[in-house]
């Protein structure tokens, strides 16, 4: 990844579609797909879940 990479860039690189996640966290904080990443950041994705 380049120095200007965003969460969205990582998702595209890993071929993870928008239907595979509902929440994004970067370093334990809520983030958006356009959040810029720094060296060593941790990205966590939470998938949609169903229940009732």
PDB file of N, CA and C in Angstrom:
ATOM      1  N   UNK A   1       0.831  -1.184   0.000  1.00  0.00           N
ATOM      2  CA  UNK A   1       0.000   0.000   0.000  1.00  0.00           C
ATOM      3  C   UNK A   1       0.874   1.245   0.000  1.00  0.00           C
ATOM      4  N   UNK A   2       0.331   2.296  -0.553  1.00  0.00           N
ATOM      5  CA  UNK A   2       1.084   3.548  -0.603  1.00  0.00           C
ATOM      6  C   UNK A   2       0.824   4.390   0.651  1.00  0.00           C
ATOM      7  N   UNK A   3       1.512   5.499   0.765  1.00  0.00           N
ATOM      8  CA  UNK A   3       1.432   6.348   1.952  1.00  0.00           C
ATOM      9  C   UNK A   3       0.064   7.013   2.099  1.00  0.00           C
ATOM     10  N   UNK A   4      -0.700   7.116   1.022  1.00  0.00           N
ATOM     11  CA  UNK A   4      -2.018   7.742   1.074  1.00  0.00           C
ATOM     12  C   UNK A   4      -3.146   6.719   1.117  1.00  0.00           C
ATOM     13  N   UNK A   5      -2.861   5.503   1.516  1.00  0.00           N
ATOM     14  CA  UNK A   5      -3.854   4.431   1.493  1.00  0.00           C
ATOM     15  C   UNK A   5      -4.997   4.707   2.463  1.00  0.00           C
ATOM     16  N   UNK A   6      -6.181   4.300   2.035  1.00  0.00           N
ATOM     17  CA  UNK A   6      -7.374   4.405   2.879  1.00  0.00           C
ATOM     18  C   UNK A   6      -7.891   2.997   3.190  1.00  0.00           C
ATOM     19  N   UNK A   7      -8.837   2.925   4.080  1.00  0.00           N
ATOM     20  CA  UNK A   7      -9.484   1.643   4.372  1.00  0.00           C
ATOM     21  C   UNK A   7     -10.068   1.068   3.082  1.00  0.00           C
ATOM     22  N   UNK A   8     -10.689   1.912   2.286  1.00  0.00           N
ATOM     23  CA  UNK A   8     -11.285   1.463   1.031  1.00  0.00           C
ATOM     24  C   UNK A   8     -10.243   0.826   0.110  1.00  0.00           C
ATOM     25  N   UNK A   9      -9.041   1.383   0.066  1.00  0.00           N
ATOM     26  CA  UNK A   9      -7.961   0.806  -0.740  1.00  0.00           C
ATOM     27  C   UNK A   9      -7.633  -0.606  -0.275  1.00  0.00           C
ATOM     28  N   UNK A  10      -7.581  -0.795   1.025  1.00  0.00           N
ATOM     29  CA  UNK A  10      -7.286  -2.121   1.594  1.00  0.00           C
ATOM     30  C   UNK A  10      -8.410  -3.090   1.254  1.00  0.00           C
ATOM     31  N   UNK A  11      -9.651  -2.647   1.398  1.00  0.00           N
ATOM     32  CA  UNK A  11     -10.788  -3.515   1.082  1.00  0.00           C
ATOM     33  C   UNK A  11     -10.754  -3.948  -0.372  1.00  0.00           C
ATOM     34  N   UNK A  12     -10.437  -3.021  -1.279  1.00  0.00           N
ATOM     35  CA  UNK A  12     -10.334  -3.359  -2.699  1.00  0.00           C
ATOM     36  C   UNK A  12      -9.183  -4.334  -2.946  1.00  0.00           C
ATOM     37  N   UNK A  13      -8.041  -4.068  -2.318  1.00  0.00           N
ATOM     38  CA  UNK A  13      -6.865  -4.933  -2.494  1.00  0.00           C
ATOM     39  C   UNK A  13      -7.155  -6.365  -2.048  1.00  0.00           C
ATOM     40  N   UNK A  14      -7.950  -6.504  -0.989  1.00  0.00           N
ATOM     41  CA  UNK A  14      -8.284  -7.828  -0.461  1.00  0.00           C
ATOM     42  C   UNK A  14      -9.568  -8.396  -1.057  1.00  0.00           C
ATOM     43  N   UNK A  15     -10.155  -7.649  -2.015  1.00  0.00           N
ATOM     44  CA  UNK A  15     -11.379  -8.078  -2.682  1.00  0.00           C
ATOM     45  C   UNK A  15     -12.513  -8.333  -1.683  1.00  0.00           C
ATOM     46  N   UNK A  16     -12.697  -7.412  -0.752  1.00  0.00           N
ATOM     47  CA  UNK A  16     -13.765  -7.494   0.249  1.00  0.00           C
ATOM     48  C   UNK A  16     -14.848  -6.499  -0.154  1.00  0.00           C
ATOM     49  N   UNK A  17     -16.011  -7.009  -0.517  1.00  0.00           N
ATOM     50  CA  UNK A  17     -17.112  -6.169  -0.967  1.00  0.00           C
ATOM     51  C   UNK A  17     -17.829  -5.483   0.180  1.00  0.00           C
ATOM     52  N   UNK A  18     -18.614  -4.460  -0.160  1.00  0.00           N
ATOM     53  CA  UNK A  18     -19.350  -3.700   0.851  1.00  0.00           C
ATOM     54  C   UNK A  18     -20.376  -4.537   1.594  1.00  0.00           C
ATOM     55  N   UNK A  19     -20.824  -5.630   0.998  1.00  0.00           N
ATOM     56  CA  UNK A  19     -21.812  -6.477   1.664  1.00  0.00           C
ATOM     57  C   UNK A  19     -21.184  -7.382   2.722  1.00  0.00           C
ATOM     58  N   UNK A  20     -19.862  -7.381   2.848  1.00  0.00           N
ATOM     59  CA  UNK A  20     -19.166  -8.256   3.798  1.00  0.00           C
ATOM     60  C   UNK A  20     -18.941  -7.627   5.166  1.00  0.00           C
ATOM     61  N   UNK A  21     -19.248  -6.328   5.305  1.00  0.00           N
ATOM     62  CA  UNK A  21     -19.012  -5.662   6.590  1.00  0.00           C
ATOM     63  C   UNK A  21     -20.090  -4.614   6.857  1.00  0.00           C
ATOM     64  N   UNK A  22     -20.306  -4.334   8.137  1.00  0.00           N
ATOM     65  CA  UNK A  22     -21.234  -3.264   8.514  1.00  0.00           C
ATOM     66  C   UNK A  22     -20.528  -2.196   9.333  1.00  0.00           C
ATOM     67  N   UNK A  23     -19.482  -2.576  10.044  1.00  0.00           N
ATOM     68  CA  UNK A  23     -18.708  -1.633  10.853  1.00  0.00           C
ATOM     69  C   UNK A  23     -17.231  -1.783  10.554  1.00  0.00           C
ATOM     70  N   UNK A  24     -16.532  -0.661  10.586  1.00  0.00           N
ATOM     71  CA  UNK A  24     -15.083  -0.643  10.401  1.00  0.00           C
ATOM     72  C   UNK A  24     -14.474   0.050  11.614  1.00  0.00           C
ATOM     73  N   UNK A  25     -13.405  -0.536  12.123  1.00  0.00           N
ATOM     74  CA  UNK A  25     -12.637   0.091  13.195  1.00  0.00           C
ATOM     75  C   UNK A  25     -11.171   0.148  12.777  1.00  0.00           C
ATOM     76  N   UNK A  26     -10.520   1.256  13.066  1.00  0.00           N
ATOM     77  CA  UNK A  26      -9.083   1.393  12.861  1.00  0.00           C
ATOM     78  C   UNK A  26      -8.483   1.703  14.221  1.00  0.00           C
ATOM     79  N   UNK A  27      -7.606   0.828  14.674  1.00  0.00           N
ATOM     80  CA  UNK A  27      -6.975   0.963  15.990  1.00  0.00           C
ATOM     81  C   UNK A  27      -8.014   1.097  17.104  1.00  0.00           C
ATOM     82  N   UNK A  28      -9.108   0.330  16.981  1.00  0.00           N
ATOM     83  CA  UNK A  28     -10.127   0.303  18.020  1.00  0.00           C
ATOM     84  C   UNK A  28     -11.110   1.454  17.993  1.00  0.00           C
ATOM     85  N   UNK A  29     -11.037   2.317  16.990  1.00  0.00           N
ATOM     86  CA  UNK A  29     -11.965   3.457  16.881  1.00  0.00           C
ATOM     87  C   UNK A  29     -12.781   3.343  15.605  1.00  0.00           C
ATOM     88  N   UNK A  30     -14.058   3.708  15.729  1.00  0.00           N
ATOM     89  CA  UNK A  30     -14.946   3.651  14.567  1.00  0.00           C
ATOM     90  C   UNK A  30     -14.345   4.454  13.418  1.00  0.00           C
ATOM     91  N   UNK A  31     -14.405   3.893  12.208  1.00  0.00           N
ATOM     92  CA  UNK A  31     -13.809   4.540  11.033  1.00  0.00           C
ATOM     93  C   UNK A  31     -14.746   4.418   9.846  1.00  0.00           C
ATOM     94  N   UNK A  32     -14.426   5.168   8.809  1.00  0.00           N
ATOM     95  CA  UNK A  32     -15.173   5.122   7.558  1.00  0.00           C
ATOM     96  C   UNK A  32     -14.264   4.579   6.465  1.00  0.00           C
ATOM     97  N   UNK A  33     -14.852   4.169   5.337  1.00  0.00           N
ATOM     98  CA  UNK A  33     -14.019   3.641   4.250  1.00  0.00           C
ATOM     99  C   UNK A  33     -12.981   4.640   3.729  1.00  0.00           C
ATOM    100  N   UNK A  34     -13.234   5.938   3.869  1.00  0.00           N
ATOM    101  CA  UNK A  34     -12.278   6.933   3.370  1.00  0.00           C
ATOM    102  C   UNK A  34     -11.234   7.338   4.418  1.00  0.00           C
ATOM    103  N   UNK A  35     -11.207   6.649   5.558  1.00  0.00           N
ATOM    104  CA  UNK A  35     -10.209   6.927   6.596  1.00  0.00           C
ATOM    105  C   UNK A  35      -8.813   6.603   6.080  1.00  0.00           C
ATOM    106  N   UNK A  36      -7.904   7.553   6.205  1.00  0.00           N
ATOM    107  CA  UNK A  36      -6.511   7.343   5.795  1.00  0.00           C
ATOM    108  C   UNK A  36      -5.797   6.478   6.837  1.00  0.00           C
ATOM    109  N   UNK A  37      -4.924   5.616   6.356  1.00  0.00           N
ATOM    110  CA  UNK A  37      -4.199   4.701   7.222  1.00  0.00           C
ATOM    111  C   UNK A  37      -2.744   5.118   7.355  1.00  0.00           C
ATOM    112  N   UNK A  38      -2.172   4.803   8.506  1.00  0.00           N
ATOM    113  CA  UNK A  38      -0.755   5.041   8.760  1.00  0.00           C
ATOM    114  C   UNK A  38      -0.068   3.691   8.947  1.00  0.00           C
ATOM    115  N   UNK A  39       1.227   3.691   8.819  1.00  0.00           N
ATOM    116  CA  UNK A  39       2.024   2.475   9.026  1.00  0.00           C
ATOM    117  C   UNK A  39       1.689   1.876  10.387  1.00  0.00           C
ATOM    118  N   UNK A  40       1.366   0.586  10.406  1.00  0.00           N
ATOM    119  CA  UNK A  40       1.108  -0.120  11.657  1.00  0.00           C
ATOM    120  C   UNK A  40      -0.329  -0.072  12.141  1.00  0.00           C
ATOM    121  N   UNK A  41      -1.230   0.634  11.436  1.00  0.00           N
ATOM    122  CA  UNK A  41      -2.636   0.672  11.836  1.00  0.00           C
ATOM    123  C   UNK A  41      -3.249  -0.716  11.742  1.00  0.00           C
ATOM    124  N   UNK A  42      -4.211  -0.970  12.610  1.00  0.00           N
ATOM    125  CA  UNK A  42      -4.958  -2.226  12.599  1.00  0.00           C
ATOM    126  C   UNK A  42      -6.388  -1.944  12.148  1.00  0.00           C
ATOM    127  N   UNK A  43      -6.840  -2.674  11.138  1.00  0.00           N
ATOM    128  CA  UNK A  43      -8.189  -2.506  10.613  1.00  0.00           C
ATOM    129  C   UNK A  43      -9.003  -3.727  11.008  1.00  0.00           C
ATOM    130  N   UNK A  44     -10.184  -3.483  11.594  1.00  0.00           N
ATOM    131  CA  UNK A  44     -11.092  -4.566  11.966  1.00  0.00           C
ATOM    132  C   UNK A  44     -12.431  -4.333  11.278  1.00  0.00           C
ATOM    133  N   UNK A  45     -12.982  -5.402  10.718  1.00  0.00           N
ATOM    134  CA  UNK A  45     -14.279  -5.354  10.056  1.00  0.00           C
ATOM    135  C   UNK A  45     -15.252  -6.240  10.801  1.00  0.00           C
ATOM    136  N   UNK A  46     -16.478  -5.757  10.968  1.00  0.00           N
ATOM    137  CA  UNK A  46     -17.513  -6.549  11.601  1.00  0.00           C
ATOM    138  C   UNK A  46     -18.574  -6.850  10.571  1.00  0.00           C
ATOM    139  N   UNK A  47     -18.862  -8.135  10.354  1.00  0.00           N
ATOM    140  CA  UNK A  47     -19.814  -8.531   9.317  1.00  0.00           C
ATOM    141  C   UNK A  47     -21.249  -8.282   9.771  1.00  0.00           C
ATOM    142  N   UNK A  48     -22.155  -8.206   8.800  1.00  0.00           N
ATOM    143  CA  UNK A  48     -23.580  -8.119   9.166  1.00  0.00           C
ATOM    144  C   UNK A  48     -24.004  -9.431   9.816  1.00  0.00           C
ATOM    145  N   UNK A  49     -24.848  -9.323  10.800  1.00  0.00           N
ATOM    146  CA  UNK A  49     -25.341 -10.536  11.454  1.00  0.00           C
ATOM    147  C   UNK A  49     -26.853 -10.495  11.472  1.00  0.00           C
ATOM    148  N   UNK A  50     -27.435 -11.643  11.526  1.00  0.00           N
ATOM    149  CA  UNK A  50     -28.890 -11.747  11.582  1.00  0.00           C
ATOM    150  C   UNK A  50     -29.291 -12.464  12.856  1.00  0.00           C
ATOM    151  N   UNK A  51     -30.481 -12.334  13.170  1.00  0.00           N
ATOM    152  CA  UNK A  51     -30.973 -13.009  14.365  1.00  0.00           C
ATOM    153  C   UNK A  51     -32.393 -12.583  14.626  1.00  0.00           C
ATOM    154  N   UNK A  52     -32.830 -12.987  15.732  1.00  0.00           N
ATOM    155  CA  UNK A  52     -34.197 -12.591  16.006  1.00  0.00           C
ATOM    156  C   UNK A  52     -34.698 -13.072  17.302  1.00  0.00           C
TER     157      UNK A  52
END
